[in-house]
Amino acid sequence: MLLLTKAIFAIMIGFLSSTILGLFLIPVLKKLKIGQKISIFVGDSHRKKEGTPTMGGLIFIVPTILAILFLLITDKVTYTSNIGIVLLVFLGYASIGFLDDFLSIRKGNNEGLTAYQKLFMQVLIAIGFFYIYMKNGGQTSFVVGTLGIDIELGWLYGLLILFVLVGASNAVNLTDGLDGLAGGLSAIAFIAFSLISLMVGFEDIGIFSLILVGSLLGFLIYNTHPAKIFMGDTGSLSLGAVMGAIAILTHRELTLLVVAGIFVIETLTVIIQTIWVQLFHRKLFLMTPLHHHFEKLGWVETDIVKLFWVAGLVLAMSGIIFGVWL
């Protein structure tokens, strides 16, 4: 009963604090004219979104950080190296995204940090992750109990960490193209990982995930169609990276591919489209990521989001079964 109470409190404090922060932050961002620049390649339905406040990831990042710190200080949650790593990744990637958004706004286009600048900072965070992880006796085996896989990677585990963090962060970033799409899918994925974490003995990570779920639900009040604010790279990079970090710390790296299946599919369509154009000099999809393909087919934005949310929920439930039960 105590754990259930903690879970409910975690969601509640995240939701209430992010909802309240949104009320104050959105007018401030509008006053500062921190608006999103819309790509010329998207349809006319997106052009009217030009100038919508961005950096909205702050609405769920700040409350989540403050809430988990409050619970740690009051001894409601015990500090562990795992929660330290989660905070490092969450704050680290939020900072990368914030800097990228800031430079984009300052330049007046969608070009913030270069790919090499982002990769350099991501490598630094992965090194910090690996150092803390190894210092506290973390295992370096890639284990998938369901499939009977147990491969000792040694120092190569550090490369796996980098690959998962970069891959997951970019996958969420690519999916963040429709109102409420990435935020809703992330909330669903973190519900799954909170349950997985709690069931396999990582209470601290589970509570963190539930706070983030509550904060995302508060953010979605302002981000669902028509969006009053976008999460920006500040939000999308941090969400993907911390999702990857939790998958690594709970030793559910393969489960991540199932729980975050929609993010994976969105990313694969971009990769496939690029290869297809190089080989056959024509497009396979009307536009990528996949949600834009549906838009080009004439689907309404809200219908696409609802379809992807439902598919994400089914995959998240499948991921829980795969990661815990089988």
C-alpha atoms as a PDB file:
ATOM      1  CA  MET A   1       0.000   0.000   0.000  1.00  0.00           C
ATOM      2  CA  LEU A   2       2.890   2.388   0.777  1.00  0.00           C
ATOM      3  CA  LEU A   3       4.370   1.893  -2.693  1.00  0.00           C
ATOM      4  CA  LEU A   4       0.976   2.524  -4.309  1.00  0.00           C
ATOM      5  CA  THR A   5       0.615   5.711  -2.251  1.00  0.00           C
ATOM      6  CA  LYS A   6       4.081   6.846  -3.350  1.00  0.00           C
ATOM      7  CA  ALA A   7       3.170   6.157  -6.974  1.00  0.00           C
ATOM      8  CA  ILE A   8      -0.056   8.182  -6.787  1.00  0.00           C
ATOM      9  CA  PHE A   9       1.728  11.030  -4.999  1.00  0.00           C
ATOM     10  CA  ALA A  10       4.516  11.032  -7.600  1.00  0.00           C
ATOM     11  CA  ILE A  11       2.052  11.389 -10.491  1.00  0.00           C
ATOM     12  CA  MET A  12       0.022  14.006  -8.631  1.00  0.00           C
ATOM     13  CA  ILE A  13       2.950  16.238  -7.676  1.00  0.00           C
ATOM     14  CA  GLY A  14       4.329  16.064 -11.204  1.00  0.00           C
ATOM     15  CA  PHE A  15       0.979  16.893 -12.787  1.00  0.00           C
ATOM     16  CA  LEU A  16       0.052  19.773 -10.494  1.00  0.00           C
ATOM     17  CA  SER A  17       3.465  21.433 -10.577  1.00  0.00           C
ATOM     18  CA  SER A  18       3.816  21.250 -14.376  1.00  0.00           C
ATOM     19  CA  THR A  19       0.272  22.518 -14.895  1.00  0.00           C
ATOM     20  CA  ILE A  20       0.934  25.521 -12.661  1.00  0.00           C
ATOM     21  CA  LEU A  21       4.333  26.205 -14.253  1.00  0.00           C
ATOM     22  CA  GLY A  22       2.765  26.168 -17.714  1.00  0.00           C
ATOM     23  CA  LEU A  23       0.324  28.919 -16.722  1.00  0.00           C
ATOM     24  CA  PHE A  24       3.232  31.233 -15.933  1.00  0.00           C
ATOM     25  CA  LEU A  25       5.853  30.089 -18.440  1.00  0.00           C
ATOM     26  CA  ILE A  26       3.839  30.349 -21.676  1.00  0.00           C
ATOM     27  CA  PRO A  27       3.056  34.088 -21.297  1.00  0.00           C
ATOM     28  CA  VAL A  28       6.725  34.740 -20.440  1.00  0.00           C
ATOM     29  CA  LEU A  29       7.947  32.902 -23.540  1.00  0.00           C
ATOM     30  CA  LYS A  30       5.430  34.799 -25.691  1.00  0.00           C
ATOM     31  CA  LYS A  31       6.613  38.106 -24.242  1.00  0.00           C
ATOM     32  CA  LEU A  32      10.237  37.175 -24.970  1.00  0.00           C
ATOM     33  CA  LYS A  33       9.170  36.130 -28.508  1.00  0.00           C
ATOM     34  CA  ILE A  34      10.701  32.674 -28.131  1.00  0.00           C
ATOM     35  CA  GLY A  35       8.760  31.182 -31.029  1.00  0.00           C
ATOM     36  CA  GLN A  36       9.175  28.082 -33.179  1.00  0.00           C
ATOM     37  CA  LYS A  37      10.395  28.434 -36.766  1.00  0.00           C
ATOM     38  CA  ILE A  38       8.486  26.080 -39.084  1.00  0.00           C
ATOM     39  CA  SER A  39      10.264  24.208 -41.865  1.00  0.00           C
ATOM     40  CA  ILE A  40       9.380  25.198 -45.438  1.00  0.00           C
ATOM     41  CA  PHE A  41       8.992  21.502 -46.319  1.00  0.00           C
ATOM     42  CA  VAL A  42       5.930  20.843 -44.154  1.00  0.00           C
ATOM     43  CA  GLY A  43       2.353  21.475 -45.263  1.00  0.00           C
ATOM     44  CA  ASP A  44       0.295  24.650 -45.032  1.00  0.00           C
ATOM     45  CA  SER A  45      -1.458  23.329 -41.912  1.00  0.00           C
ATOM     46  CA  HIS A  46       1.840  23.713 -40.054  1.00  0.00           C
ATOM     47  CA  ARG A  47       2.699  27.172 -41.385  1.00  0.00           C
ATOM     48  CA  LYS A  48       0.081  28.773 -39.124  1.00  0.00           C
ATOM     49  CA  LYS A  49       1.977  27.344 -36.127  1.00  0.00           C
ATOM     50  CA  GLU A  50       4.873  29.701 -36.859  1.00  0.00           C
ATOM     51  CA  GLY A  51       5.744  31.660 -33.735  1.00  0.00           C
ATOM     52  CA  THR A  52       4.204  29.229 -31.229  1.00  0.00           C
ATOM     53  CA  PRO A  53       6.373  29.344 -28.073  1.00  0.00           C
ATOM     54  CA  THR A  54       9.018  26.623 -27.880  1.00  0.00           C
ATOM     55  CA  MET A  55      11.355  25.343 -25.121  1.00  0.00           C
ATOM     56  CA  GLY A  56       8.196  23.932 -23.534  1.00  0.00           C
ATOM     57  CA  GLY A  57      10.185  20.981 -22.259  1.00  0.00           C
ATOM     58  CA  LEU A  58      10.916  23.193 -19.262  1.00  0.00           C
ATOM     59  CA  ILE A  59       7.295  22.637 -18.192  1.00  0.00           C
ATOM     60  CA  PHE A  60       7.984  18.967 -17.403  1.00  0.00           C
ATOM     61  CA  ILE A  61      11.752  19.089 -16.790  1.00  0.00           C
ATOM     62  CA  VAL A  62      11.800  21.643 -13.968  1.00  0.00           C
ATOM     63  CA  PRO A  63       8.928  20.113 -11.931  1.00  0.00           C
ATOM     64  CA  THR A  64      10.350  16.600 -12.317  1.00  0.00           C
ATOM     65  CA  ILE A  65      13.797  17.673 -11.102  1.00  0.00           C
ATOM     66  CA  LEU A  66      12.431  19.697  -8.179  1.00  0.00           C
ATOM     67  CA  ALA A  67       9.992  16.961  -7.152  1.00  0.00           C
ATOM     68  CA  ILE A  68      12.589  14.173  -7.096  1.00  0.00           C
ATOM     69  CA  LEU A  69      15.025  16.426  -5.197  1.00  0.00           C
ATOM     70  CA  PHE A  70      12.298  17.166  -2.635  1.00  0.00           C
ATOM     71  CA  LEU A  71      11.617  13.447  -2.164  1.00  0.00           C
ATOM     72  CA  LEU A  72      15.348  12.745  -1.809  1.00  0.00           C
ATOM     73  CA  ILE A  73      15.881  15.541   0.725  1.00  0.00           C
ATOM     74  CA  THR A  74      12.888  14.428   2.806  1.00  0.00           C
ATOM     75  CA  ASP A  75      14.052  10.767   2.639  1.00  0.00           C
ATOM     76  CA  LYS A  76      10.864   9.657   0.902  1.00  0.00           C
ATOM     77  CA  VAL A  77      13.102   8.208  -1.802  1.00  0.00           C
ATOM     78  CA  THR A  78      16.556   6.786  -1.098  1.00  0.00           C
ATOM     79  CA  TYR A  79      19.414   8.248  -3.128  1.00  0.00           C
ATOM     80  CA  THR A  80      21.315   5.733  -5.242  1.00  0.00           C
ATOM     81  CA  SER A  81      23.884   5.955  -8.009  1.00  0.00           C
ATOM     82  CA  ASN A  82      21.103   5.014 -10.426  1.00  0.00           C
ATOM     83  CA  ILE A  83      19.050   8.092  -9.615  1.00  0.00           C
ATOM     84  CA  GLY A  84      22.240  10.153  -9.866  1.00  0.00           C
ATOM     85  CA  ILE A  85      22.824   8.819 -13.388  1.00  0.00           C
ATOM     86  CA  VAL A  86      19.204   9.460 -14.376  1.00  0.00           C
ATOM     87  CA  LEU A  87      19.469  13.081 -13.207  1.00  0.00           C
ATOM     88  CA  LEU A  88      22.816  13.514 -14.988  1.00  0.00           C
ATOM     89  CA  VAL A  89      21.360  12.298 -18.282  1.00  0.00           C
ATOM     90  CA  PHE A  90      18.082  14.198 -17.891  1.00  0.00           C
ATOM     91  CA  LEU A  91      19.756  17.509 -17.073  1.00  0.00           C
ATOM     92  CA  GLY A  92      22.630  16.956 -19.495  1.00  0.00           C
ATOM     93  CA  TYR A  93      20.460  16.329 -22.529  1.00  0.00           C
ATOM     94  CA  ALA A  94      18.007  19.053 -21.489  1.00  0.00           C
ATOM     95  CA  SER A  95      20.959  21.459 -21.503  1.00  0.00           C
ATOM     96  CA  ILE A  96      22.015  20.316 -24.983  1.00  0.00           C
ATOM     97  CA  GLY A  97      18.465  20.782 -26.231  1.00  0.00           C
ATOM     98  CA  PHE A  98      18.101  24.166 -24.514  1.00  0.00           C
ATOM     99  CA  LEU A  99      21.310  25.419 -26.107  1.00  0.00           C
ATOM    100  CA  ASP A 100      20.184  24.105 -29.489  1.00  0.00           C
ATOM    101  CA  ASP A 101      16.793  25.835 -29.168  1.00  0.00           C
ATOM    102  CA  PHE A 102      18.414  29.060 -27.971  1.00  0.00           C
ATOM    103  CA  LEU A 103      20.824  29.211 -30.913  1.00  0.00           C
ATOM    104  CA  SER A 104      18.021  28.383 -33.372  1.00  0.00           C
ATOM    105  CA  ILE A 105      15.923  31.275 -32.055  1.00  0.00           C
ATOM    106  CA  ARG A 106      18.899  33.625 -32.023  1.00  0.00           C
ATOM    107  CA  LYS A 107      19.771  32.765 -35.648  1.00  0.00           C
ATOM    108  CA  GLY A 108      16.145  32.925 -36.718  1.00  0.00           C
ATOM    109  CA  ASN A 109      16.135  29.467 -38.292  1.00  0.00           C
ATOM    110  CA  ASN A 110      16.102  25.780 -37.315  1.00  0.00           C
ATOM    111  CA  GLU A 111      19.894  25.473 -37.257  1.00  0.00           C
ATOM    112  CA  GLY A 112      21.212  25.474 -33.717  1.00  0.00           C
ATOM    113  CA  LEU A 113      24.120  23.311 -32.648  1.00  0.00           C
ATOM    114  CA  THR A 114      26.025  21.392 -35.307  1.00  0.00           C
ATOM    115  CA  ALA A 115      25.892  17.602 -35.342  1.00  0.00           C
ATOM    116  CA  TYR A 116      29.505  17.432 -34.133  1.00  0.00           C
ATOM    117  CA  GLN A 117      28.856  19.811 -31.248  1.00  0.00           C
ATOM    118  CA  LYS A 118      25.876  17.727 -30.135  1.00  0.00           C
ATOM    119  CA  LEU A 119      27.840  14.485 -30.434  1.00  0.00           C
ATOM    120  CA  PHE A 120      30.752  15.875 -28.407  1.00  0.00           C
ATOM    121  CA  MET A 121      28.452  16.821 -25.526  1.00  0.00           C
ATOM    122  CA  GLN A 122      26.600  13.516 -25.771  1.00  0.00           C
ATOM    123  CA  VAL A 123      29.901  11.629 -25.536  1.00  0.00           C
ATOM    124  CA  LEU A 124      30.817  13.583 -22.387  1.00  0.00           C
ATOM    125  CA  ILE A 125      27.514  12.631 -20.753  1.00  0.00           C
ATOM    126  CA  ALA A 126      27.968   8.972 -21.764  1.00  0.00           C
ATOM    127  CA  ILE A 127      31.465   8.987 -20.213  1.00  0.00           C
ATOM    128  CA  GLY A 128      30.038  10.411 -16.978  1.00  0.00           C
ATOM    129  CA  PHE A 129      27.293   7.779 -17.061  1.00  0.00           C
ATOM    130  CA  PHE A 130      29.794   4.946 -17.594  1.00  0.00           C
ATOM    131  CA  TYR A 131      32.151   6.232 -14.878  1.00  0.00           C
ATOM    132  CA  ILE A 132      29.450   6.446 -12.202  1.00  0.00           C
ATOM    133  CA  TYR A 133      27.967   3.138 -13.349  1.00  0.00           C
ATOM    134  CA  MET A 134      31.291   1.263 -13.133  1.00  0.00           C
ATOM    135  CA  LYS A 135      32.350   2.955  -9.890  1.00  0.00           C
ATOM    136  CA  ASN A 136      29.229   1.557  -8.224  1.00  0.00           C
ATOM    137  CA  GLY A 137      29.685  -1.981  -9.521  1.00  0.00           C
ATOM    138  CA  GLY A 138      27.420  -1.930 -12.559  1.00  0.00           C
ATOM    139  CA  GLN A 139      27.358  -5.062 -14.696  1.00  0.00           C
ATOM    140  CA  THR A 140      28.758  -4.845 -18.234  1.00  0.00           C
ATOM    141  CA  SER A 141      26.876  -7.823 -19.663  1.00  0.00           C
ATOM    142  CA  PHE A 142      24.156  -7.460 -22.275  1.00  0.00           C
ATOM    143  CA  VAL A 143      21.462  -9.709 -20.835  1.00  0.00           C
ATOM    144  CA  VAL A 144      18.076 -10.640 -22.277  1.00  0.00           C
ATOM    145  CA  GLY A 145      16.626 -13.319 -20.007  1.00  0.00           C
ATOM    146  CA  THR A 146      13.624 -13.915 -22.274  1.00  0.00           C
ATOM    147  CA  LEU A 147      15.903 -14.945 -25.153  1.00  0.00           C
ATOM    148  CA  GLY A 148      18.650 -16.540 -23.050  1.00  0.00           C
ATOM    149  CA  ILE A 149      21.221 -13.915 -24.119  1.00  0.00           C
ATOM    150  CA  ASP A 150      24.156 -13.067 -21.829  1.00  0.00           C
ATOM    151  CA  ILE A 151      27.114 -11.376 -23.543  1.00  0.00           C
ATOM    152  CA  GLU A 152      29.974  -9.811 -21.566  1.00  0.00           C
ATOM    153  CA  LEU A 153      30.901  -6.507 -23.236  1.00  0.00           C
ATOM    154  CA  GLY A 154      33.470  -5.082 -20.822  1.00  0.00           C
ATOM    155  CA  TRP A 155      34.500  -1.532 -21.764  1.00  0.00           C
ATOM    156  CA  LEU A 156      32.396  -1.832 -24.934  1.00  0.00           C
ATOM    157  CA  TYR A 157      29.402  -1.382 -22.645  1.00  0.00           C
ATOM    158  CA  GLY A 158      30.324   2.304 -22.636  1.00  0.00           C
ATOM    159  CA  LEU A 159      29.754   2.392 -26.403  1.00  0.00           C
ATOM    160  CA  LEU A 160      26.383   0.679 -25.905  1.00  0.00           C
ATOM    161  CA  ILE A 161      25.441   3.423 -23.438  1.00  0.00           C
ATOM    162  CA  LEU A 162      26.383   6.116 -25.961  1.00  0.00           C
ATOM    163  CA  PHE A 163      24.506   4.360 -28.771  1.00  0.00           C
ATOM    164  CA  VAL A 164      21.315   3.949 -26.722  1.00  0.00           C
ATOM    165  CA  LEU A 165      21.352   7.535 -25.422  1.00  0.00           C
ATOM    166  CA  VAL A 166      21.997   9.091 -28.828  1.00  0.00           C
ATOM    167  CA  GLY A 167      19.582   6.779 -30.627  1.00  0.00           C
ATOM    168  CA  ALA A 168      16.732   7.235 -28.142  1.00  0.00           C
ATOM    169  CA  SER A 169      17.119  11.023 -27.897  1.00  0.00           C
ATOM    170  CA  ASN A 170      17.127  11.477 -31.672  1.00  0.00           C
ATOM    171  CA  ALA A 171      14.167   9.095 -32.074  1.00  0.00           C
ATOM    172  CA  VAL A 172      11.957  11.203 -29.782  1.00  0.00           C
ATOM    173  CA  ASN A 173      13.265  14.356 -31.450  1.00  0.00           C
ATOM    174  CA  LEU A 174      12.219  13.068 -34.897  1.00  0.00           C
ATOM    175  CA  THR A 175       8.772  12.089 -33.601  1.00  0.00           C
ATOM    176  CA  ASP A 176       8.105  15.547 -32.170  1.00  0.00           C
ATOM    177  CA  GLY A 177       6.298  16.856 -35.252  1.00  0.00           C
ATOM    178  CA  LEU A 178       2.596  16.923 -34.397  1.00  0.00           C
ATOM    179  CA  ASP A 179       0.731  18.479 -31.478  1.00  0.00           C
ATOM    180  CA  GLY A 180       0.880  16.124 -28.504  1.00  0.00           C
ATOM    181  CA  LEU A 181       2.486  13.249 -30.419  1.00  0.00           C
ATOM    182  CA  ALA A 182       5.889  12.920 -28.744  1.00  0.00           C
ATOM    183  CA  GLY A 183       4.572  14.048 -25.348  1.00  0.00           C
ATOM    184  CA  GLY A 184       1.749  11.510 -25.294  1.00  0.00           C
ATOM    185  CA  LEU A 185       3.908   8.644 -26.546  1.00  0.00           C
ATOM    186  CA  SER A 186       6.581   9.505 -23.978  1.00  0.00           C
ATOM    187  CA  ALA A 187       4.037   9.503 -21.140  1.00  0.00           C
ATOM    188  CA  ILE A 188       2.860   6.051 -22.247  1.00  0.00           C
ATOM    189  CA  ALA A 189       6.442   4.762 -22.478  1.00  0.00           C
ATOM    190  CA  PHE A 190       7.375   6.082 -19.035  1.00  0.00           C
ATOM    191  CA  ILE A 191       4.280   4.484 -17.496  1.00  0.00           C
ATOM    192  CA  ALA A 192       5.580   1.179 -18.861  1.00  0.00           C
ATOM    193  CA  PHE A 193       9.114   1.752 -17.584  1.00  0.00           C
ATOM    194  CA  SER A 194       7.863   2.889 -14.180  1.00  0.00           C
ATOM    195  CA  LEU A 195       5.964  -0.391 -13.794  1.00  0.00           C
ATOM    196  CA  ILE A 196       8.931  -2.400 -15.065  1.00  0.00           C
ATOM    197  CA  SER A 197      11.282  -0.557 -12.683  1.00  0.00           C
ATOM    198  CA  LEU A 198       9.041  -1.102  -9.671  1.00  0.00           C
ATOM    199  CA  MET A 199       8.479  -4.772 -10.489  1.00  0.00           C
ATOM    200  CA  VAL A 200      12.185  -5.590 -10.895  1.00  0.00           C
ATOM    201  CA  GLY A 201      13.300  -3.730  -7.764  1.00  0.00           C
ATOM    202  CA  PHE A 202      14.292  -0.238  -8.917  1.00  0.00           C
ATOM    203  CA  GLU A 203      11.916   1.820  -6.774  1.00  0.00           C
ATOM    204  CA  ASP A 204      13.885   5.063  -7.149  1.00  0.00           C
ATOM    205  CA  ILE A 205      13.781   4.923 -10.940  1.00  0.00           C
ATOM    206  CA  GLY A 206      10.116   3.901 -10.835  1.00  0.00           C
ATOM    207  CA  ILE A 207       9.152   6.922  -8.727  1.00  0.00           C
ATOM    208  CA  PHE A 208      11.186   9.258 -10.950  1.00  0.00           C
ATOM    209  CA  SER A 209       9.391   7.871 -14.008  1.00  0.00           C
ATOM    210  CA  LEU A 210       5.976   8.381 -12.410  1.00  0.00           C
ATOM    211  CA  ILE A 211       6.797  11.994 -11.527  1.00  0.00           C
ATOM    212  CA  LEU A 212       7.795  12.507 -15.147  1.00  0.00           C
ATOM    213  CA  VAL A 213       4.539  10.887 -16.310  1.00  0.00           C
ATOM    214  CA  GLY A 214       2.555  13.345 -14.183  1.00  0.00           C
ATOM    215  CA  SER A 215       4.618  16.266 -15.470  1.00  0.00           C
ATOM    216  CA  LEU A 216       4.070  15.162 -19.079  1.00  0.00           C
ATOM    217  CA  LEU A 217       0.319  14.942 -18.503  1.00  0.00           C
ATOM    218  CA  GLY A 218       0.412  18.520 -17.240  1.00  0.00           C
ATOM    219  CA  PHE A 219       2.443  19.552 -20.285  1.00  0.00           C
ATOM    220  CA  LEU A 220      -0.070  17.902 -22.622  1.00  0.00           C
ATOM    221  CA  ILE A 221      -2.749  20.295 -21.382  1.00  0.00           C
ATOM    222  CA  TYR A 222      -0.874  22.966 -23.329  1.00  0.00           C
ATOM    223  CA  ASN A 223       0.664  20.806 -26.072  1.00  0.00           C
ATOM    224  CA  THR A 224      -2.314  18.894 -27.499  1.00  0.00           C
ATOM    225  CA  HIS A 225      -4.007  20.297 -30.605  1.00  0.00           C
ATOM    226  CA  PRO A 226      -4.050  23.226 -31.025  1.00  0.00           C
ATOM    227  CA  ALA A 227      -0.721  23.439 -29.210  1.00  0.00           C
ATOM    228  CA  LYS A 228      -0.073  26.543 -27.136  1.00  0.00           C
ATOM    229  CA  ILE A 229       3.567  25.544 -26.752  1.00  0.00           C
ATOM    230  CA  PHE A 230       6.070  23.077 -28.256  1.00  0.00           C
ATOM    231  CA  MET A 231       8.542  21.030 -26.204  1.00  0.00           C
ATOM    232  CA  GLY A 232      11.451  21.872 -28.528  1.00  0.00           C
ATOM    233  CA  ASP A 233      14.776  20.058 -28.459  1.00  0.00           C
ATOM    234  CA  THR A 234      14.941  21.001 -24.769  1.00  0.00           C
ATOM    235  CA  GLY A 235      12.200  18.479 -24.119  1.00  0.00           C
ATOM    236  CA  SER A 236      12.573  15.874 -26.859  1.00  0.00           C
ATOM    237  CA  LEU A 237      16.304  15.215 -26.419  1.00  0.00           C
ATOM    238  CA  SER A 238      15.991  14.915 -22.634  1.00  0.00           C
ATOM    239  CA  LEU A 239      12.979  12.588 -22.821  1.00  0.00           C
ATOM    240  CA  GLY A 240      14.615  10.185 -25.262  1.00  0.00           C
ATOM    241  CA  ALA A 241      17.929  10.132 -23.440  1.00  0.00           C
ATOM    242  CA  VAL A 242      16.460   9.493 -19.985  1.00  0.00           C
ATOM    243  CA  MET A 243      14.237   6.777 -21.488  1.00  0.00           C
ATOM    244  CA  GLY A 244      17.381   5.107 -22.825  1.00  0.00           C
ATOM    245  CA  ALA A 245      19.183   5.558 -19.506  1.00  0.00           C
ATOM    246  CA  ILE A 246      16.357   3.873 -17.597  1.00  0.00           C
ATOM    247  CA  ALA A 247      16.362   0.977 -20.070  1.00  0.00           C
ATOM    248  CA  ILE A 248      20.106   0.496 -19.485  1.00  0.00           C
ATOM    249  CA  LEU A 249      19.952   0.793 -15.686  1.00  0.00           C
ATOM    250  CA  THR A 250      17.091  -1.714 -15.453  1.00  0.00           C
ATOM    251  CA  HIS A 251      18.891  -3.967 -17.975  1.00  0.00           C
ATOM    252  CA  ARG A 252      15.939  -3.790 -20.357  1.00  0.00           C
ATOM    253  CA  GLU A 253      17.738  -2.428 -23.428  1.00  0.00           C
ATOM    254  CA  LEU A 254      15.875  -4.727 -25.825  1.00  0.00           C
ATOM    255  CA  THR A 255      12.582  -3.980 -24.077  1.00  0.00           C
ATOM    256  CA  LEU A 256      13.154  -0.336 -25.012  1.00  0.00           C
ATOM    257  CA  LEU A 257      12.709  -1.263 -28.677  1.00  0.00           C
ATOM    258  CA  VAL A 258       9.249  -2.619 -27.869  1.00  0.00           C
ATOM    259  CA  VAL A 259       8.054   0.027 -25.403  1.00  0.00           C
ATOM    260  CA  ALA A 260       9.341   2.839 -27.633  1.00  0.00           C
ATOM    261  CA  GLY A 261       8.310   1.012 -30.803  1.00  0.00           C
ATOM    262  CA  ILE A 262       6.633   4.031 -32.430  1.00  0.00           C
ATOM    263  CA  PHE A 263       9.759   6.141 -31.922  1.00  0.00           C
ATOM    264  CA  VAL A 264      11.794   3.319 -33.487  1.00  0.00           C
ATOM    265  CA  ILE A 265       9.449   3.054 -36.477  1.00  0.00           C
ATOM    266  CA  GLU A 266       9.499   6.824 -37.017  1.00  0.00           C
ATOM    267  CA  THR A 267      13.310   6.760 -37.066  1.00  0.00           C
ATOM    268  CA  LEU A 268      13.486   3.744 -39.359  1.00  0.00           C
ATOM    269  CA  THR A 269      11.258   5.450 -41.939  1.00  0.00           C
ATOM    270  CA  VAL A 270      13.749   8.320 -42.127  1.00  0.00           C
ATOM    271  CA  ILE A 271      16.683   5.904 -42.556  1.00  0.00           C
ATOM    272  CA  ILE A 272      14.820   3.772 -45.132  1.00  0.00           C
ATOM    273  CA  GLN A 273      13.736   6.860 -47.078  1.00  0.00           C
ATOM    274  CA  THR A 274      17.326   8.115 -47.258  1.00  0.00           C
ATOM    275  CA  ILE A 275      18.663   4.754 -48.480  1.00  0.00           C
ATOM    276  CA  TRP A 276      15.773   4.314 -50.922  1.00  0.00           C
ATOM    277  CA  VAL A 277      16.377   7.705 -52.537  1.00  0.00           C
ATOM    278  CA  GLN A 278      20.106   6.964 -52.861  1.00  0.00           C
ATOM    279  CA  LEU A 279      19.477   3.581 -54.493  1.00  0.00           C
ATOM    280  CA  PHE A 280      16.407   4.214 -56.639  1.00  0.00           C
ATOM    281  CA  HIS A 281      16.347   8.045 -56.955  1.00  0.00           C
ATOM    282  CA  ARG A 282      12.740   8.254 -55.807  1.00  0.00           C
ATOM    283  CA  LYS A 283      10.852   8.346 -52.526  1.00  0.00           C
ATOM    284  CA  LEU A 284       9.312   5.328 -50.814  1.00  0.00           C
ATOM    285  CA  PHE A 285       7.253   7.474 -48.419  1.00  0.00           C
ATOM    286  CA  LEU A 286       5.554  10.723 -49.366  1.00  0.00           C
ATOM    287  CA  MET A 287       7.448  12.382 -46.505  1.00  0.00           C
ATOM    288  CA  THR A 288       9.279  11.256 -43.388  1.00  0.00           C
ATOM    289  CA  PRO A 289       9.098  10.750 -40.445  1.00  0.00           C
ATOM    290  CA  LEU A 290       6.054   8.499 -40.838  1.00  0.00           C
ATOM    291  CA  HIS A 291       3.527  10.902 -39.292  1.00  0.00           C
ATOM    292  CA  HIS A 292       4.167  13.321 -42.170  1.00  0.00           C
ATOM    293  CA  HIS A 293       3.451  10.511 -44.662  1.00  0.00           C
ATOM    294  CA  PHE A 294      -0.025  10.161 -43.157  1.00  0.00           C
ATOM    295  CA  GLU A 295      -0.482  13.926 -43.382  1.00  0.00           C
ATOM    296  CA  LYS A 296       0.383  13.845 -47.089  1.00  0.00           C
ATOM    297  CA  LEU A 297      -2.233  11.107 -47.508  1.00  0.00           C
ATOM    298  CA  GLY A 298      -4.826  13.572 -46.223  1.00  0.00           C
ATOM    299  CA  TRP A 299      -5.211  12.384 -42.627  1.00  0.00           C
ATOM    300  CA  VAL A 300      -6.238  14.933 -40.001  1.00  0.00           C
ATOM    301  CA  GLU A 301      -3.478  15.707 -37.495  1.00  0.00           C
ATOM    302  CA  THR A 302      -5.527  14.716 -34.447  1.00  0.00           C
ATOM    303  CA  ASP A 303      -6.462  11.358 -36.013  1.00  0.00           C
ATOM    304  CA  ILE A 304      -2.790  10.566 -36.671  1.00  0.00           C
ATOM    305  CA  VAL A 305      -1.891  11.385 -33.080  1.00  0.00           C
ATOM    306  CA  LYS A 306      -4.706   9.217 -31.685  1.00  0.00           C
ATOM    307  CA  LEU A 307      -3.686   6.296 -33.914  1.00  0.00           C
ATOM    308  CA  PHE A 308      -0.052   6.548 -32.845  1.00  0.00           C
ATOM    309  CA  TRP A 309      -1.024   6.835 -29.162  1.00  0.00           C
ATOM    310  CA  VAL A 310      -3.116   3.665 -29.374  1.00  0.00           C
ATOM    311  CA  ALA A 311      -0.323   1.805 -31.165  1.00  0.00           C
ATOM    312  CA  GLY A 312       2.148   3.116 -28.568  1.00  0.00           C
ATOM    313  CA  LEU A 313      -0.074   1.867 -25.738  1.00  0.00           C
ATOM    314  CA  VAL A 314      -0.293  -1.627 -27.255  1.00  0.00           C
ATOM    315  CA  LEU A 315       3.500  -1.731 -27.681  1.00  0.00           C
ATOM    316  CA  ALA A 316       4.052  -0.449 -24.140  1.00  0.00           C
ATOM    317  CA  MET A 317       1.863  -3.217 -22.694  1.00  0.00           C
ATOM    318  CA  SER A 318       3.685  -5.745 -24.852  1.00  0.00           C
ATOM    319  CA  GLY A 319       6.983  -4.362 -23.559  1.00  0.00           C
ATOM    320  CA  ILE A 320       5.908  -4.888 -19.949  1.00  0.00           C
ATOM    321  CA  ILE A 321       5.032  -8.521 -20.700  1.00  0.00           C
ATOM    322  CA  PHE A 322       8.318  -9.028 -22.553  1.00  0.00           C
ATOM    323  CA  GLY A 323      10.450  -7.228 -19.974  1.00  0.00           C
ATOM    324  CA  VAL A 324       9.000  -8.684 -16.781  1.00  0.00           C
ATOM    325  CA  TRP A 325       6.869 -11.754 -17.287  1.00  0.00           C
ATOM    326  CA  LEU A 326       8.321 -13.791 -20.161  1.00  0.00           C
END
